[in-house]
Amino acid sequence: MTNGRFENERSLQGMLQDIKNEIKEFVHTRFEIFKREMQDKLSAYKAAMPMAIAGALFIATAWFLITGAIVAAIALALGWPLAFLIVGFAYFIVGAAAGWFAYKEVTSQTMKPERTLQVLKQDQVWIEQEAKSA
């Protein structure tokens, strides 16, 4: 009888070890899904950053050019200040377009890990079904 008890304890230990390994693998897999998804999202932000910087630089350039044009217009009343205005507005349009594209790129991505949450919801449904059937 002692031998049977020892075998039951051993098989129980084996089952517990299997469950522990399954849980570790489960958590590791979900963490990898989460990590991969967050890396994808961060790469989208990294891709938009140069465009945002370019947009900010063009807008800053437009500000200086428009300011220079206003000062020149006041100083000379007519002539070459019109050139500053044309160039300033052209830079402003380019900068605004670059900034808009960067804004659209950033706002199209959310930091919410959609795929990871979907997998976890599927896991939850599966666990609930397994618990009901057990």
N, C-alpha and C. Protein backbone atom coordinates (compact mmCIF):
# COMPACT_ATOMS: atom_id res chain seq x y z
N MET A 1 0.82 -1.19 0.00
CA MET A 1 0.00 0.00 0.00
C MET A 1 0.86 1.26 0.00
N THR A 2 1.97 1.19 0.68
CA THR A 2 2.88 2.33 0.70
C THR A 2 3.43 2.59 -0.70
N ASN A 3 3.67 1.53 -1.43
CA ASN A 3 4.21 1.66 -2.78
C ASN A 3 3.20 2.36 -3.70
N GLY A 4 1.92 2.07 -3.58
CA GLY A 4 0.89 2.72 -4.38
C GLY A 4 0.78 4.19 -4.05
N ARG A 5 0.90 4.51 -2.78
CA ARG A 5 0.84 5.91 -2.37
C ARG A 5 2.02 6.68 -2.95
N PHE A 6 3.20 6.04 -2.93
CA PHE A 6 4.40 6.67 -3.47
C PHE A 6 4.23 6.95 -4.97
N GLU A 7 3.63 6.00 -5.69
CA GLU A 7 3.40 6.18 -7.12
C GLU A 7 2.39 7.30 -7.38
N ASN A 8 1.35 7.38 -6.53
CA ASN A 8 0.35 8.46 -6.69
C ASN A 8 0.99 9.82 -6.45
N GLU A 9 1.83 9.92 -5.42
CA GLU A 9 2.52 11.17 -5.13
C GLU A 9 3.45 11.54 -6.28
N ARG A 10 4.11 10.54 -6.82
CA ARG A 10 5.03 10.79 -7.93
C ARG A 10 4.27 11.26 -9.17
N SER A 11 3.14 10.59 -9.47
CA SER A 11 2.37 11.00 -10.64
C SER A 11 1.74 12.38 -10.40
N LEU A 12 1.36 12.68 -9.14
CA LEU A 12 0.85 14.00 -8.82
C LEU A 12 1.94 15.05 -8.99
N GLN A 13 3.15 14.74 -8.56
CA GLN A 13 4.26 15.66 -8.74
C GLN A 13 4.54 15.86 -10.23
N GLY A 14 4.46 14.80 -10.99
CA GLY A 14 4.66 14.90 -12.43
C GLY A 14 3.60 15.78 -13.09
N MET A 15 2.35 15.60 -12.66
CA MET A 15 1.26 16.43 -13.19
C MET A 15 1.47 17.89 -12.83
N LEU A 16 1.85 18.14 -11.59
CA LEU A 16 2.09 19.52 -11.16
C LEU A 16 3.25 20.13 -11.95
N GLN A 17 4.29 19.34 -12.18
CA GLN A 17 5.42 19.83 -12.97
C GLN A 17 4.99 20.14 -14.40
N ASP A 18 4.15 19.27 -14.98
CA ASP A 18 3.63 19.51 -16.33
C ASP A 18 2.80 20.79 -16.38
N ILE A 19 1.94 20.96 -15.37
CA ILE A 19 1.10 22.17 -15.32
C ILE A 19 1.98 23.40 -15.20
N LYS A 20 3.00 23.32 -14.35
CA LYS A 20 3.92 24.44 -14.17
C LYS A 20 4.61 24.77 -15.49
N ASN A 21 5.07 23.75 -16.21
CA ASN A 21 5.74 23.97 -17.49
C ASN A 21 4.78 24.57 -18.53
N GLU A 22 3.53 24.09 -18.54
CA GLU A 22 2.54 24.63 -19.46
C GLU A 22 2.27 26.10 -19.17
N ILE A 23 2.14 26.45 -17.91
CA ILE A 23 1.88 27.84 -17.53
C ILE A 23 3.06 28.72 -17.93
N LYS A 24 4.28 28.23 -17.68
CA LYS A 24 5.47 29.01 -18.06
C LYS A 24 5.51 29.23 -19.57
N GLU A 25 5.22 28.19 -20.33
CA GLU A 25 5.22 28.31 -21.79
C GLU A 25 4.11 29.25 -22.24
N PHE A 26 2.94 29.15 -21.62
CA PHE A 26 1.81 30.02 -21.93
C PHE A 26 2.18 31.48 -21.71
N VAL A 27 2.72 31.79 -20.54
CA VAL A 27 3.09 33.17 -20.22
C VAL A 27 4.19 33.67 -21.15
N HIS A 28 5.17 32.81 -21.41
CA HIS A 28 6.27 33.20 -22.29
C HIS A 28 5.76 33.52 -23.70
N THR A 29 4.86 32.68 -24.22
CA THR A 29 4.31 32.89 -25.55
C THR A 29 3.53 34.20 -25.62
N ARG A 30 2.71 34.46 -24.61
CA ARG A 30 1.92 35.70 -24.59
C ARG A 30 2.83 36.91 -24.47
N PHE A 31 3.87 36.80 -23.69
CA PHE A 31 4.81 37.90 -23.55
C PHE A 31 5.51 38.18 -24.87
N GLU A 32 5.89 37.14 -25.60
CA GLU A 32 6.54 37.31 -26.90
C GLU A 32 5.60 37.97 -27.90
N ILE A 33 4.32 37.59 -27.88
CA ILE A 33 3.34 38.22 -28.77
C ILE A 33 3.25 39.71 -28.44
N PHE A 34 3.15 40.01 -27.15
CA PHE A 34 3.06 41.40 -26.70
C PHE A 34 4.31 42.18 -27.11
N LYS A 35 5.48 41.59 -26.89
CA LYS A 35 6.74 42.26 -27.20
C LYS A 35 6.84 42.54 -28.70
N ARG A 36 6.50 41.58 -29.53
CA ARG A 36 6.56 41.75 -30.97
C ARG A 36 5.59 42.85 -31.44
N GLU A 37 4.40 42.85 -30.88
CA GLU A 37 3.41 43.84 -31.27
C GLU A 37 3.86 45.25 -30.87
N MET A 38 4.43 45.39 -29.68
CA MET A 38 4.89 46.71 -29.23
C MET A 38 6.08 47.17 -30.08
N GLN A 39 6.94 46.25 -30.51
CA GLN A 39 8.05 46.62 -31.38
C GLN A 39 7.54 47.14 -32.72
N ASP A 40 6.48 46.51 -33.25
CA ASP A 40 5.88 46.97 -34.50
C ASP A 40 5.33 48.39 -34.34
N LYS A 41 4.65 48.63 -33.23
CA LYS A 41 4.06 49.95 -33.00
C LYS A 41 5.14 51.01 -32.82
N LEU A 42 6.20 50.67 -32.10
CA LEU A 42 7.28 51.63 -31.91
C LEU A 42 8.00 51.94 -33.22
N SER A 43 8.11 50.95 -34.09
CA SER A 43 8.76 51.21 -35.38
C SER A 43 7.94 52.18 -36.22
N ALA A 44 6.61 52.15 -36.08
CA ALA A 44 5.77 53.13 -36.79
C ALA A 44 6.04 54.54 -36.27
N TYR A 45 6.19 54.67 -34.95
CA TYR A 45 6.51 55.99 -34.39
C TYR A 45 7.90 56.45 -34.83
N LYS A 46 8.84 55.53 -34.87
CA LYS A 46 10.19 55.88 -35.31
C LYS A 46 10.18 56.32 -36.77
N ALA A 47 9.34 55.69 -37.59
CA ALA A 47 9.27 56.05 -39.00
C ALA A 47 8.66 57.44 -39.18
N ALA A 48 7.73 57.82 -38.33
CA ALA A 48 7.07 59.13 -38.45
C ALA A 48 7.93 60.26 -37.89
N MET A 49 8.88 59.95 -37.02
CA MET A 49 9.66 60.99 -36.35
C MET A 49 10.44 61.88 -37.33
N PRO A 50 11.15 61.36 -38.33
CA PRO A 50 11.85 62.26 -39.25
C PRO A 50 10.89 63.22 -39.98
N MET A 51 9.70 62.73 -40.33
CA MET A 51 8.73 63.58 -41.01
C MET A 51 8.24 64.68 -40.07
N ALA A 52 8.03 64.35 -38.80
CA ALA A 52 7.60 65.36 -37.83
C ALA A 52 8.69 66.41 -37.63
N ILE A 53 9.94 65.98 -37.57
CA ILE A 53 11.05 66.91 -37.42
C ILE A 53 11.16 67.82 -38.65
N ALA A 54 11.03 67.22 -39.84
CA ALA A 54 11.07 68.00 -41.08
C ALA A 54 9.94 69.03 -41.09
N GLY A 55 8.75 68.61 -40.69
CA GLY A 55 7.62 69.53 -40.64
C GLY A 55 7.88 70.68 -39.69
N ALA A 56 8.42 70.38 -38.51
CA ALA A 56 8.73 71.43 -37.53
C ALA A 56 9.78 72.39 -38.07
N LEU A 57 10.79 71.86 -38.75
CA LEU A 57 11.83 72.73 -39.32
C LEU A 57 11.28 73.65 -40.41
N PHE A 58 10.43 73.09 -41.27
CA PHE A 58 9.84 73.92 -42.32
C PHE A 58 8.92 75.00 -41.74
N ILE A 59 8.16 74.65 -40.73
CA ILE A 59 7.29 75.65 -40.10
C ILE A 59 8.12 76.73 -39.41
N ALA A 60 9.21 76.34 -38.75
CA ALA A 60 10.09 77.33 -38.12
C ALA A 60 10.72 78.23 -39.18
N THR A 61 11.14 77.65 -40.29
CA THR A 61 11.70 78.44 -41.39
C THR A 61 10.64 79.42 -41.93
N ALA A 62 9.43 78.93 -42.08
CA ALA A 62 8.34 79.79 -42.56
C ALA A 62 8.12 80.95 -41.60
N TRP A 63 8.16 80.67 -40.32
CA TRP A 63 7.98 81.73 -39.32
C TRP A 63 9.04 82.82 -39.47
N PHE A 64 10.29 82.39 -39.60
CA PHE A 64 11.37 83.38 -39.75
C PHE A 64 11.25 84.16 -41.07
N LEU A 65 10.91 83.46 -42.15
CA LEU A 65 10.77 84.13 -43.44
C LEU A 65 9.59 85.11 -43.44
N ILE A 66 8.48 84.68 -42.89
CA ILE A 66 7.32 85.57 -42.84
C ILE A 66 7.62 86.79 -41.96
N THR A 67 8.29 86.54 -40.84
CA THR A 67 8.68 87.65 -39.97
C THR A 67 9.63 88.60 -40.71
N GLY A 68 10.60 88.04 -41.41
CA GLY A 68 11.52 88.87 -42.20
C GLY A 68 10.78 89.65 -43.26
N ALA A 69 9.79 89.03 -43.87
CA ALA A 69 9.01 89.71 -44.91
C ALA A 69 8.20 90.86 -44.32
N ILE A 70 7.63 90.64 -43.18
CA ILE A 70 6.85 91.71 -42.55
C ILE A 70 7.76 92.89 -42.19
N VAL A 71 8.91 92.57 -41.60
CA VAL A 71 9.86 93.63 -41.26
C VAL A 71 10.31 94.37 -42.51
N ALA A 72 10.63 93.61 -43.56
CA ALA A 72 11.07 94.25 -44.81
C ALA A 72 9.96 95.06 -45.45
N ALA A 73 8.73 94.57 -45.37
CA ALA A 73 7.60 95.30 -45.95
C ALA A 73 7.40 96.62 -45.23
N ILE A 74 7.54 96.58 -43.94
CA ILE A 74 7.40 97.83 -43.19
C ILE A 74 8.55 98.76 -43.55
N ALA A 75 9.74 98.20 -43.70
CA ALA A 75 10.92 99.04 -43.99
C ALA A 75 10.90 99.59 -45.40
N LEU A 76 10.50 98.82 -46.36
CA LEU A 76 10.59 99.26 -47.77
C LEU A 76 9.24 99.52 -48.43
N ALA A 77 8.18 99.02 -47.81
CA ALA A 77 6.81 99.21 -48.31
C ALA A 77 6.49 98.38 -49.55
N LEU A 78 7.41 98.14 -50.45
CA LEU A 78 7.15 97.29 -51.62
C LEU A 78 8.46 96.69 -52.13
N GLY A 79 8.39 95.73 -53.09
CA GLY A 79 9.60 95.19 -53.71
C GLY A 79 9.92 93.78 -53.24
N TRP A 80 11.14 93.60 -52.80
CA TRP A 80 11.63 92.27 -52.47
C TRP A 80 10.94 91.60 -51.28
N PRO A 81 10.21 92.30 -50.41
CA PRO A 81 9.48 91.59 -49.35
C PRO A 81 8.46 90.58 -49.90
N LEU A 82 7.93 90.87 -51.09
CA LEU A 82 6.99 89.94 -51.70
C LEU A 82 7.65 88.58 -51.94
N ALA A 83 8.92 88.59 -52.30
CA ALA A 83 9.66 87.33 -52.50
C ALA A 83 9.74 86.55 -51.17
N PHE A 84 10.01 87.27 -50.07
CA PHE A 84 10.04 86.61 -48.76
C PHE A 84 8.68 85.97 -48.44
N LEU A 85 7.60 86.70 -48.74
CA LEU A 85 6.27 86.16 -48.46
C LEU A 85 5.99 84.90 -49.28
N ILE A 86 6.34 84.93 -50.56
CA ILE A 86 6.09 83.77 -51.42
C ILE A 86 6.87 82.56 -50.92
N VAL A 87 8.16 82.76 -50.66
CA VAL A 87 9.00 81.65 -50.17
C VAL A 87 8.53 81.20 -48.79
N GLY A 88 8.21 82.17 -47.94
CA GLY A 88 7.75 81.82 -46.59
C GLY A 88 6.49 80.98 -46.61
N PHE A 89 5.51 81.36 -47.44
CA PHE A 89 4.29 80.58 -47.53
C PHE A 89 4.54 79.21 -48.18
N ALA A 90 5.46 79.16 -49.14
CA ALA A 90 5.79 77.87 -49.75
C ALA A 90 6.39 76.92 -48.70
N TYR A 91 7.33 77.43 -47.89
CA TYR A 91 7.90 76.61 -46.81
C TYR A 91 6.82 76.21 -45.80
N PHE A 92 5.94 77.12 -45.51
CA PHE A 92 4.88 76.83 -44.57
C PHE A 92 3.98 75.70 -45.08
N ILE A 93 3.63 75.75 -46.36
CA ILE A 93 2.79 74.70 -46.94
C ILE A 93 3.50 73.36 -46.90
N VAL A 94 4.79 73.35 -47.27
CA VAL A 94 5.57 72.10 -47.24
C VAL A 94 5.67 71.57 -45.80
N GLY A 95 5.97 72.47 -44.86
CA GLY A 95 6.08 72.07 -43.46
C GLY A 95 4.77 71.56 -42.89
N ALA A 96 3.69 72.24 -43.22
CA ALA A 96 2.38 71.82 -42.74
C ALA A 96 2.00 70.45 -43.32
N ALA A 97 2.31 70.23 -44.59
CA ALA A 97 2.02 68.94 -45.21
C ALA A 97 2.83 67.83 -44.54
N ALA A 98 4.11 68.07 -44.32
CA ALA A 98 4.94 67.06 -43.65
C ALA A 98 4.44 66.79 -42.24
N GLY A 99 4.08 67.86 -41.54
CA GLY A 99 3.55 67.68 -40.18
C GLY A 99 2.23 66.93 -40.19
N TRP A 100 1.38 67.21 -41.17
CA TRP A 100 0.09 66.52 -41.27
C TRP A 100 0.29 65.03 -41.54
N PHE A 101 1.20 64.70 -42.45
CA PHE A 101 1.47 63.29 -42.73
C PHE A 101 2.02 62.58 -41.50
N ALA A 102 2.90 63.23 -40.77
CA ALA A 102 3.44 62.64 -39.54
C ALA A 102 2.33 62.46 -38.51
N TYR A 103 1.47 63.45 -38.36
CA TYR A 103 0.35 63.37 -37.42
C TYR A 103 -0.57 62.21 -37.78
N LYS A 104 -0.90 62.08 -39.05
CA LYS A 104 -1.76 60.99 -39.49
C LYS A 104 -1.12 59.62 -39.22
N GLU A 105 0.18 59.51 -39.43
CA GLU A 105 0.89 58.26 -39.18
C GLU A 105 0.85 57.89 -37.70
N VAL A 106 1.07 58.88 -36.85
CA VAL A 106 1.09 58.61 -35.41
C VAL A 106 -0.31 58.31 -34.90
N THR A 107 -1.31 59.06 -35.34
CA THR A 107 -2.66 58.84 -34.84
C THR A 107 -3.31 57.59 -35.42
N SER A 108 -2.79 57.06 -36.52
CA SER A 108 -3.35 55.83 -37.06
C SER A 108 -2.92 54.62 -36.24
N GLN A 109 -1.89 54.77 -35.44
CA GLN A 109 -1.40 53.69 -34.59
C GLN A 109 -1.79 53.97 -33.14
N THR A 110 -2.31 52.96 -32.49
CA THR A 110 -2.57 53.09 -31.05
C THR A 110 -1.54 52.25 -30.31
N MET A 111 -1.32 52.60 -29.06
CA MET A 111 -0.37 51.82 -28.26
C MET A 111 -1.03 50.59 -27.65
N LYS A 112 -2.32 50.45 -27.87
CA LYS A 112 -3.05 49.30 -27.34
C LYS A 112 -2.62 48.05 -28.10
N PRO A 113 -2.14 47.03 -27.40
CA PRO A 113 -1.67 45.80 -28.07
C PRO A 113 -2.85 44.93 -28.52
N GLU A 114 -3.42 45.25 -29.68
CA GLU A 114 -4.63 44.61 -30.17
C GLU A 114 -4.49 43.09 -30.32
N ARG A 115 -3.43 42.64 -30.98
CA ARG A 115 -3.27 41.20 -31.20
C ARG A 115 -3.11 40.45 -29.89
N THR A 116 -2.35 41.01 -28.97
CA THR A 116 -2.14 40.35 -27.68
C THR A 116 -3.46 40.23 -26.94
N LEU A 117 -4.23 41.30 -26.92
CA LEU A 117 -5.53 41.26 -26.24
C LEU A 117 -6.47 40.25 -26.88
N GLN A 118 -6.43 40.16 -28.21
CA GLN A 118 -7.28 39.19 -28.91
C GLN A 118 -6.89 37.76 -28.52
N VAL A 119 -5.60 37.48 -28.49
CA VAL A 119 -5.14 36.14 -28.10
C VAL A 119 -5.53 35.84 -26.66
N LEU A 120 -5.38 36.81 -25.78
CA LEU A 120 -5.75 36.60 -24.38
C LEU A 120 -7.26 36.38 -24.22
N LYS A 121 -8.08 37.07 -25.02
CA LYS A 121 -9.53 36.83 -24.98
C LYS A 121 -9.86 35.42 -25.44
N GLN A 122 -9.17 34.98 -26.50
CA GLN A 122 -9.39 33.61 -26.98
C GLN A 122 -8.95 32.61 -25.91
N ASP A 123 -7.85 32.90 -25.24
CA ASP A 123 -7.39 32.02 -24.16
C ASP A 123 -8.41 31.98 -23.03
N GLN A 124 -8.99 33.12 -22.70
CA GLN A 124 -9.98 33.18 -21.63
C GLN A 124 -11.19 32.32 -21.97
N VAL A 125 -11.67 32.42 -23.21
CA VAL A 125 -12.81 31.61 -23.65
C VAL A 125 -12.46 30.13 -23.56
N TRP A 126 -11.26 29.78 -24.02
CA TRP A 126 -10.83 28.38 -23.99
C TRP A 126 -10.75 27.86 -22.56
N ILE A 127 -10.17 28.66 -21.65
CA ILE A 127 -10.05 28.24 -20.25
C ILE A 127 -11.44 28.07 -19.62
N GLU A 128 -12.36 29.00 -19.93
CA GLU A 128 -13.72 28.88 -19.39
C GLU A 128 -14.40 27.62 -19.89
N GLN A 129 -14.22 27.28 -21.17
CA GLN A 129 -14.80 26.06 -21.73
C GLN A 129 -14.18 24.83 -21.09
N GLU A 130 -12.89 24.85 -20.87
CA GLU A 130 -12.21 23.71 -20.23
C GLU A 130 -12.68 23.55 -18.80
N ALA A 131 -12.86 24.67 -18.11
CA ALA A 131 -13.31 24.60 -16.71
C ALA A 131 -14.73 24.04 -16.63
N LYS A 132 -15.58 24.41 -17.58
CA LYS A 132 -16.96 23.90 -17.58
C LYS A 132 -17.00 22.41 -17.90
N SER A 133 -16.13 21.97 -18.79
CA SER A 133 -16.14 20.56 -19.19
C SER A 133 -15.46 19.65 -18.18
N ALA A 134 -14.67 20.23 -17.27
CA ALA A 134 -13.94 19.41 -16.27
C ALA A 134 -14.80 19.04 -15.10
